[in-house]
PDB file of all heavy atoms in Angstrom:
ATOM      1  N   SER A   1    -329.940  17.065   6.424  1.00  0.00           N
ATOM      2  CA  SER A   1    -330.414  18.044   7.405  1.00  0.00           C
ATOM      3  C   SER A   1    -329.228  18.906   7.814  1.00  0.00           C
ATOM      4  O   SER A   1    -328.068  18.476   7.735  1.00  0.00           O
ATOM      5  CB  SER A   1    -330.997  17.349   8.637  1.00  0.00           C
ATOM      6  OG  SER A   1    -332.087  16.519   8.287  1.00  0.00           O
ATOM      7  N   VAL A   2    -329.522  20.134   8.239  1.00  0.00           N
ATOM      8  CA  VAL A   2    -328.463  21.049   8.693  1.00  0.00           C
ATOM      9  C   VAL A   2    -328.849  21.581  10.063  1.00  0.00           C
ATOM     10  O   VAL A   2    -329.966  22.074  10.244  1.00  0.00           O
ATOM     11  CB  VAL A   2    -328.251  22.219   7.716  1.00  0.00           C
ATOM     12  CG1 VAL A   2    -327.031  23.041   8.140  1.00  0.00           C
ATOM     13  CG2 VAL A   2    -328.092  21.733   6.283  1.00  0.00           C
ATOM     14  N   GLU A   3    -327.917  21.481  11.009  1.00  0.00           N
ATOM     15  CA  GLU A   3    -328.147  21.978  12.358  1.00  0.00           C
ATOM     16  C   GLU A   3    -327.129  23.052  12.706  1.00  0.00           C
ATOM     17  O   GLU A   3    -325.951  22.961  12.368  1.00  0.00           O
ATOM     18  CB  GLU A   3    -328.061  20.834  13.374  1.00  0.00           C
ATOM     19  CG  GLU A   3    -329.179  19.828  13.241  1.00  0.00           C
ATOM     20  CD  GLU A   3    -329.093  18.721  14.267  1.00  0.00           C
ATOM     21  OE1 GLU A   3    -327.964  18.371  14.673  1.00  0.00           O
ATOM     22  OE2 GLU A   3    -330.158  18.212  14.672  1.00  0.00           O
ATOM     23  N   TRP A   4    -327.625  24.051  13.427  1.00  0.00           N
ATOM     24  CA  TRP A   4    -326.795  25.157  13.909  1.00  0.00           C
ATOM     25  C   TRP A   4    -325.929  24.660  15.071  1.00  0.00           C
ATOM     26  O   TRP A   4    -326.365  23.828  15.866  1.00  0.00           O
ATOM     27  CB  TRP A   4    -327.720  26.264  14.393  1.00  0.00           C
ATOM     28  CG  TRP A   4    -327.109  27.622  14.493  1.00  0.00           C
ATOM     29  CD1 TRP A   4    -326.387  28.121  15.532  1.00  0.00           C
ATOM     30  CD2 TRP A   4    -327.215  28.679  13.541  1.00  0.00           C
ATOM     31  NE1 TRP A   4    -326.031  29.420  15.289  1.00  0.00           N
ATOM     32  CE2 TRP A   4    -326.528  29.790  14.065  1.00  0.00           C
ATOM     33  CE3 TRP A   4    -327.837  28.796  12.296  1.00  0.00           C
ATOM     34  CZ2 TRP A   4    -326.434  31.011  13.395  1.00  0.00           C
ATOM     35  CZ3 TRP A   4    -327.742  30.009  11.635  1.00  0.00           C
ATOM     36  CH2 TRP A   4    -327.051  31.099  12.171  1.00  0.00           C
ATOM     37  N   PRO A   5    -324.709  25.158  15.213  1.00  0.00           N
ATOM     38  CA  PRO A   5    -323.868  24.728  16.342  1.00  0.00           C
ATOM     39  C   PRO A   5    -324.413  25.234  17.677  1.00  0.00           C
ATOM     40  O   PRO A   5    -325.123  26.228  17.733  1.00  0.00           O
ATOM     41  CB  PRO A   5    -322.509  25.364  16.034  1.00  0.00           C
ATOM     42  CG  PRO A   5    -322.827  26.538  15.154  1.00  0.00           C
ATOM     43  CD  PRO A   5    -324.011  26.118  14.333  1.00  0.00           C
ATOM     44  N   LEU A   6    -324.050  24.514  18.734  1.00  0.00           N
ATOM     45  CA  LEU A   6    -324.473  24.913  20.072  1.00  0.00           C
ATOM     46  C   LEU A   6    -323.675  26.094  20.597  1.00  0.00           C
ATOM     47  O   LEU A   6    -324.148  26.855  21.438  1.00  0.00           O
ATOM     48  CB  LEU A   6    -324.346  23.731  21.039  1.00  0.00           C
ATOM     49  CG  LEU A   6    -325.330  22.581  20.820  1.00  0.00           C
ATOM     50  CD1 LEU A   6    -324.970  21.401  21.711  1.00  0.00           C
ATOM     51  CD2 LEU A   6    -326.758  23.038  21.098  1.00  0.00           C
ATOM     52  N   ILE A   7    -322.441  26.244  20.122  1.00  0.00           N
ATOM     53  CA  ILE A   7    -321.557  27.302  20.592  1.00  0.00           C
ATOM     54  C   ILE A   7    -321.193  28.212  19.422  1.00  0.00           C
ATOM     55  O   ILE A   7    -320.904  27.741  18.311  1.00  0.00           O
ATOM     56  CB  ILE A   7    -320.285  26.717  21.233  1.00  0.00           C
ATOM     57  CG1 ILE A   7    -320.660  25.840  22.431  1.00  0.00           C
ATOM     58  CG2 ILE A   7    -319.322  27.821  21.672  1.00  0.00           C
ATOM     59  CD1 ILE A   7    -319.501  25.087  23.046  1.00  0.00           C
ATOM     60  N   GLU A   8    -321.201  29.505  19.666  1.00  0.00           N
ATOM     61  CA  GLU A   8    -320.951  30.504  18.637  1.00  0.00           C
ATOM     62  C   GLU A   8    -319.610  30.275  17.940  1.00  0.00           C
ATOM     63  O   GLU A   8    -318.623  29.909  18.584  1.00  0.00           O
ATOM     64  CB  GLU A   8    -320.972  31.891  19.284  1.00  0.00           C
ATOM     65  CG  GLU A   8    -321.059  33.028  18.301  1.00  0.00           C
ATOM     66  CD  GLU A   8    -321.243  34.355  19.008  1.00  0.00           C
ATOM     67  OE1 GLU A   8    -320.705  34.531  20.123  1.00  0.00           O
ATOM     68  OE2 GLU A   8    -321.918  35.220  18.449  1.00  0.00           O
ATOM     69  N   HIS A   9    -319.602  30.471  16.637  1.00  0.00           N
ATOM     70  CA  HIS A   9    -318.425  30.403  15.768  1.00  0.00           C
ATOM     71  C   HIS A   9    -317.985  28.977  15.441  1.00  0.00           C
ATOM     72  O   HIS A   9    -317.009  28.786  14.726  1.00  0.00           O
ATOM     73  CB  HIS A   9    -317.242  31.190  16.347  1.00  0.00           C
ATOM     74  CG  HIS A   9    -317.549  32.629  16.610  1.00  0.00           C
ATOM     75  ND1 HIS A   9    -318.104  33.458  15.653  1.00  0.00           N
ATOM     76  CD2 HIS A   9    -317.391  33.378  17.738  1.00  0.00           C
ATOM     77  CE1 HIS A   9    -318.264  34.664  16.175  1.00  0.00           C
ATOM     78  NE2 HIS A   9    -317.845  34.639  17.428  1.00  0.00           N
ATOM     79  N   GLU A  10    -318.674  27.965  15.965  1.00  0.00           N
ATOM     80  CA  GLU A  10    -318.388  26.608  15.537  1.00  0.00           C
ATOM     81  C   GLU A  10    -319.096  26.330  14.208  1.00  0.00           C
ATOM     82  O   GLU A  10    -320.053  27.018  13.849  1.00  0.00           O
ATOM     83  CB  GLU A  10    -318.824  25.604  16.605  1.00  0.00           C
ATOM     84  CG  GLU A  10    -317.968  25.656  17.864  1.00  0.00           C
ATOM     85  CD  GLU A  10    -318.220  24.488  18.791  1.00  0.00           C
ATOM     86  OE1 GLU A  10    -319.195  23.739  18.579  1.00  0.00           O
ATOM     87  OE2 GLU A  10    -317.424  24.324  19.738  1.00  0.00           O
ATOM     88  N   PRO A  11    -318.649  25.327  13.442  1.00  0.00           N
ATOM     89  CA  PRO A  11    -319.268  25.066  12.135  1.00  0.00           C
ATOM     90  C   PRO A  11    -320.657  24.458  12.247  1.00  0.00           C
ATOM     91  O   PRO A  11    -321.028  23.892  13.278  1.00  0.00           O
ATOM     92  CB  PRO A  11    -318.289  24.084  11.479  1.00  0.00           C
ATOM     93  CG  PRO A  11    -317.559  23.456  12.608  1.00  0.00           C
ATOM     94  CD  PRO A  11    -317.482  24.483  13.701  1.00  0.00           C
ATOM     95  N   LEU A  12    -321.402  24.568  11.162  1.00  0.00           N
ATOM     96  CA  LEU A  12    -322.683  23.874  11.054  1.00  0.00           C
ATOM     97  C   LEU A  12    -322.442  22.367  11.016  1.00  0.00           C
ATOM     98  O   LEU A  12    -321.340  21.904  10.719  1.00  0.00           O
ATOM     99  CB  LEU A  12    -323.406  24.300   9.776  1.00  0.00           C
ATOM    100  CG  LEU A  12    -323.779  25.771   9.629  1.00  0.00           C
ATOM    101  CD1 LEU A  12    -324.240  26.060   8.201  1.00  0.00           C
ATOM    102  CD2 LEU A  12    -324.850  26.168  10.622  1.00  0.00           C
ATOM    103  N   VAL A  13    -323.492  21.608  11.301  1.00  0.00           N
ATOM    104  CA  VAL A  13    -323.422  20.150  11.183  1.00  0.00           C
ATOM    105  C   VAL A  13    -324.413  19.715  10.109  1.00  0.00           C
ATOM    106  O   VAL A  13    -325.616  19.991  10.214  1.00  0.00           O
ATOM    107  CB  VAL A  13    -323.727  19.451  12.516  1.00  0.00           C
ATOM    108  CG1 VAL A  13    -323.663  17.932  12.336  1.00  0.00           C
ATOM    109  CG2 VAL A  13    -322.752  19.896  13.599  1.00  0.00           C
ATOM    110  N   VAL A  14    -323.897  19.062   9.077  1.00  0.00           N
ATOM    111  CA  VAL A  14    -324.737  18.539   7.995  1.00  0.00           C
ATOM    112  C   VAL A  14    -324.866  17.028   8.181  1.00  0.00           C
ATOM    113  O   VAL A  14    -323.859  16.310   8.260  1.00  0.00           O
ATOM    114  CB  VAL A  14    -324.139  18.857   6.615  1.00  0.00           C
ATOM    115  CG1 VAL A  14    -324.999  18.232   5.505  1.00  0.00           C
ATOM    116  CG2 VAL A  14    -324.024  20.362   6.410  1.00  0.00           C
ATOM    117  N   HIS A  15    -326.094  16.543   8.275  1.00  0.00           N
ATOM    118  CA  HIS A  15    -326.379  15.116   8.418  1.00  0.00           C
ATOM    119  C   HIS A  15    -326.847  14.579   7.067  1.00  0.00           C
ATOM    120  O   HIS A  15    -327.746  15.165   6.446  1.00  0.00           O
ATOM    121  CB  HIS A  15    -327.475  14.880   9.456  1.00  0.00           C
ATOM    122  CG  HIS A  15    -327.128  15.368  10.834  1.00  0.00           C
ATOM    123  ND1 HIS A  15    -326.595  14.555  11.802  1.00  0.00           N
ATOM    124  CD2 HIS A  15    -327.239  16.600  11.391  1.00  0.00           C
ATOM    125  CE1 HIS A  15    -326.395  15.250  12.909  1.00  0.00           C
ATOM    126  NE2 HIS A  15    -326.782  16.497  12.695  1.00  0.00           N
ATOM    127  N   THR A  16    -326.250  13.472   6.620  1.00  0.00           N
ATOM    128  CA  THR A  16    -326.617  12.864   5.340  1.00  0.00           C
ATOM    129  C   THR A  16    -327.217  11.487   5.576  1.00  0.00           C
ATOM    130  O   THR A  16    -326.607  10.638   6.253  1.00  0.00           O
ATOM    131  CB  THR A  16    -325.393  12.748   4.417  1.00  0.00           C
ATOM    132  OG1 THR A  16    -324.821  14.053   4.235  1.00  0.00           O
ATOM    133  CG2 THR A  16    -325.787  12.178   3.054  1.00  0.00           C
ATOM    134  N   ALA A  17    -328.403  11.274   5.024  1.00  0.00           N
ATOM    135  CA  ALA A  17    -329.123  10.012   5.242  1.00  0.00           C
ATOM    136  C   ALA A  17    -328.424   8.836   4.578  1.00  0.00           C
ATOM    137  O   ALA A  17    -327.680   8.980   3.598  1.00  0.00           O
ATOM    138  CB  ALA A  17    -330.546  10.137   4.703  1.00  0.00           C
ATOM    139  N   LYS A  18    -328.668   7.646   5.135  1.00  0.00           N
ATOM    140  CA  LYS A  18    -328.275   6.348   4.560  1.00  0.00           C
ATOM    141  C   LYS A  18    -326.771   6.100   4.563  1.00  0.00           C
ATOM    142  O   LYS A  18    -326.298   5.180   3.880  1.00  0.00           O
ATOM    143  CB  LYS A  18    -328.819   6.195   3.121  1.00  0.00           C
ATOM    144  CG  LYS A  18    -330.291   6.537   2.952  1.00  0.00           C
ATOM    145  CD  LYS A  18    -331.187   5.836   3.947  1.00  0.00           C
ATOM    146  CE  LYS A  18    -332.656   6.232   3.764  1.00  0.00           C
ATOM    147  NZ  LYS A  18    -333.517   5.718   4.849  1.00  0.00           N
ATOM    148  N   LYS A  19    -326.037   6.870   5.326  1.00  0.00           N
ATOM    149  CA  LYS A  19    -324.621   6.577   5.509  1.00  0.00           C
ATOM    150  C   LYS A  19    -324.455   5.711   6.748  1.00  0.00           C
ATOM    151  O   LYS A  19    -325.356   5.641   7.592  1.00  0.00           O
ATOM    152  CB  LYS A  19    -323.826   7.877   5.687  1.00  0.00           C
ATOM    153  CG  LYS A  19    -323.572   8.663   4.419  1.00  0.00           C
ATOM    154  CD  LYS A  19    -322.620   9.820   4.704  1.00  0.00           C
ATOM    155  CE  LYS A  19    -322.163  10.508   3.436  1.00  0.00           C
ATOM    156  NZ  LYS A  19    -321.145  11.555   3.725  1.00  0.00           N
ATOM    157  N   PRO A  20    -323.299   5.066   6.927  1.00  0.00           N
ATOM    158  CA  PRO A  20    -323.038   4.398   8.201  1.00  0.00           C
ATOM    159  C   PRO A  20    -323.158   5.396   9.349  1.00  0.00           C
ATOM    160  O   PRO A  20    -322.764   6.562   9.202  1.00  0.00           O
ATOM    161  CB  PRO A  20    -321.602   3.888   8.050  1.00  0.00           C
ATOM    162  CG  PRO A  20    -321.397   3.770   6.573  1.00  0.00           C
ATOM    163  CD  PRO A  20    -322.220   4.880   5.958  1.00  0.00           C
ATOM    164  N   GLU A  21    -323.705   4.983  10.460  1.00  0.00           N
ATOM    165  CA  GLU A  21    -324.054   5.896  11.548  1.00  0.00           C
ATOM    166  C   GLU A  21    -322.935   6.882  11.922  1.00  0.00           C
ATOM    167  O   GLU A  21    -323.195   8.079  12.047  1.00  0.00           O
ATOM    168  CB  GLU A  21    -324.482   5.086  12.782  1.00  0.00           C
ATOM    169  CG  GLU A  21    -325.188   5.908  13.850  1.00  0.00           C
ATOM    170  CD  GLU A  21    -326.573   6.379  13.434  1.00  0.00           C
ATOM    171  OE1 GLU A  21    -327.163   5.759  12.513  1.00  0.00           O
ATOM    172  OE2 GLU A  21    -327.052   7.363  14.009  1.00  0.00           O
ATOM    173  N   PRO A  22    -321.692   6.448  12.060  1.00  0.00           N
ATOM    174  CA  PRO A  22    -320.649   7.416  12.437  1.00  0.00           C
ATOM    175  C   PRO A  22    -320.357   8.456  11.354  1.00  0.00           C
ATOM    176  O   PRO A  22    -319.783   9.505  11.636  1.00  0.00           O
ATOM    177  CB  PRO A  22    -319.413   6.529  12.676  1.00  0.00           C
ATOM    178  CG  PRO A  22    -319.929   5.150  12.877  1.00  0.00           C
ATOM    179  CD  PRO A  22    -321.163   5.069  12.030  1.00  0.00           C
ATOM    180  N   GLU A  23    -320.749   8.166  10.112  1.00  0.00           N
ATOM    181  CA  GLU A  23    -320.445   9.065   8.994  1.00  0.00           C
ATOM    182  C   GLU A  23    -321.593  10.015   8.663  1.00  0.00           C
ATOM    183  O   GLU A  23    -321.452  10.878   7.799  1.00  0.00           O
ATOM    184  CB  GLU A  23    -320.085   8.244   7.753  1.00  0.00           C
ATOM    185  CG  GLU A  23    -318.855   7.371   7.926  1.00  0.00           C
ATOM    186  CD  GLU A  23    -318.590   6.510   6.698  1.00  0.00           C
ATOM    187  OE1 GLU A  23    -319.121   6.843   5.612  1.00  0.00           O
ATOM    188  OE2 GLU A  23    -317.878   5.491   6.830  1.00  0.00           O
ATOM    189  N   ILE A  24    -322.714   9.865   9.343  1.00  0.00           N
ATOM    190  CA  ILE A  24    -323.879  10.710   9.033  1.00  0.00           C
ATOM    191  C   ILE A  24    -323.593  12.194   9.265  1.00  0.00           C
ATOM    192  O   ILE A  24    -323.859  13.018   8.396  1.00  0.00           O
ATOM    193  CB  ILE A  24    -325.112  10.249   9.839  1.00  0.00           C
ATOM    194  CG1 ILE A  24    -325.619   8.906   9.300  1.00  0.00           C
ATOM    195  CG2 ILE A  24    -326.228  11.297   9.765  1.00  0.00           C
ATOM    196  CD1 ILE A  24    -326.733   8.296  10.116  1.00  0.00           C
ATOM    197  N   PRO A  25    -323.015  12.589  10.411  1.00  0.00           N
ATOM    198  CA  PRO A  25    -322.775  14.014  10.621  1.00  0.00           C
ATOM    199  C   PRO A  25    -321.419  14.458  10.074  1.00  0.00           C
ATOM    200  O   PRO A  25    -320.435  13.718  10.115  1.00  0.00           O
ATOM    201  CB  PRO A  25    -322.807  14.144  12.146  1.00  0.00           C
ATOM    202  CG  PRO A  25    -322.301  12.831  12.644  1.00  0.00           C
ATOM    203  CD  PRO A  25    -322.727  11.801  11.633  1.00  0.00           C
ATOM    204  N   GLU A  26    -321.410  15.681   9.545  1.00  0.00           N
ATOM    205  CA  GLU A  26    -320.176  16.284   9.050  1.00  0.00           C
ATOM    206  C   GLU A  26    -320.183  17.763   9.409  1.00  0.00           C
ATOM    207  O   GLU A  26    -321.171  18.461   9.170  1.00  0.00           O
ATOM    208  CB  GLU A  26    -320.069  16.124   7.536  1.00  0.00           C
ATOM    209  CG  GLU A  26    -318.857  16.788   6.917  1.00  0.00           C
ATOM    210  CD  GLU A  26    -318.884  16.763   5.386  1.00  0.00           C
ATOM    211  OE1 GLU A  26    -319.886  16.283   4.818  1.00  0.00           O
ATOM    212  OE2 GLU A  26    -317.914  17.254   4.783  1.00  0.00           O
ATOM    213  N   LYS A  27    -319.107  18.239   9.994  1.00  0.00           N
ATOM    214  CA  LYS A  27    -319.004  19.664  10.310  1.00  0.00           C
ATOM    215  C   LYS A  27    -318.644  20.425   9.036  1.00  0.00           C
ATOM    216  O   LYS A  27    -317.685  20.074   8.344  1.00  0.00           O
ATOM    217  CB  LYS A  27    -317.961  19.901  11.399  1.00  0.00           C
ATOM    218  CG  LYS A  27    -318.374  19.374  12.762  1.00  0.00           C
ATOM    219  CD  LYS A  27    -317.348  19.712  13.831  1.00  0.00           C
ATOM    220  CE  LYS A  27    -317.819  19.237  15.211  1.00  0.00           C
ATOM    221  NZ  LYS A  27    -316.839  19.574  16.273  1.00  0.00           N
ATOM    222  N   VAL A  28    -319.429  21.464   8.759  1.00  0.00           N
ATOM    223  CA  VAL A  28    -319.253  22.228   7.519  1.00  0.00           C
ATOM    224  C   VAL A  28    -319.256  23.718   7.841  1.00  0.00           C
ATOM    225  O   VAL A  28    -320.185  24.220   8.481  1.00  0.00           O
ATOM    226  CB  VAL A  28    -320.374  21.917   6.502  1.00  0.00           C
ATOM    227  CG1 VAL A  28    -320.247  22.794   5.267  1.00  0.00           C
ATOM    228  CG2 VAL A  28    -320.365  20.446   6.122  1.00  0.00           C
ATOM    229  N   LYS A  29    -318.241  24.419   7.393  1.00  0.00           N
ATOM    230  CA  LYS A  29    -318.215  25.873   7.542  1.00  0.00           C
ATOM    231  C   LYS A  29    -319.057  26.492   6.439  1.00  0.00           C
ATOM    232  O   LYS A  29    -318.863  26.206   5.252  1.00  0.00           O
ATOM    233  CB  LYS A  29    -316.787  26.403   7.475  1.00  0.00           C
ATOM    234  CG  LYS A  29    -316.693  27.907   7.680  1.00  0.00           C
ATOM    235  CD  LYS A  29    -315.257  28.397   7.614  1.00  0.00           C
ATOM    236  CE  LYS A  29    -315.210  29.911   7.794  1.00  0.00           C
ATOM    237  NZ  LYS A  29    -313.815  30.429   7.706  1.00  0.00           N
ATOM    238  N   SER A  30    -319.975  27.340   6.818  1.00  0.00           N
ATOM    239  CA  SER A  30    -320.842  27.978   5.827  1.00  0.00           C
ATOM    240  C   SER A  30    -320.012  28.885   4.925  1.00  0.00           C
ATOM    241  O   SER A  30    -319.193  29.670   5.409  1.00  0.00           O
ATOM    242  CB  SER A  30    -321.922  28.801   6.526  1.00  0.00           C
ATOM    243  OG  SER A  30    -322.736  29.442   5.571  1.00  0.00           O
TER     244      SER A  30
END
């Protein structure tokens, strides 16, 4: 899944299923 940042100019957040909970989200610059 991909979520838009809450604050302008921050990176997107990509969530990857089936990873350990702390590793699910990753900040990614488009």
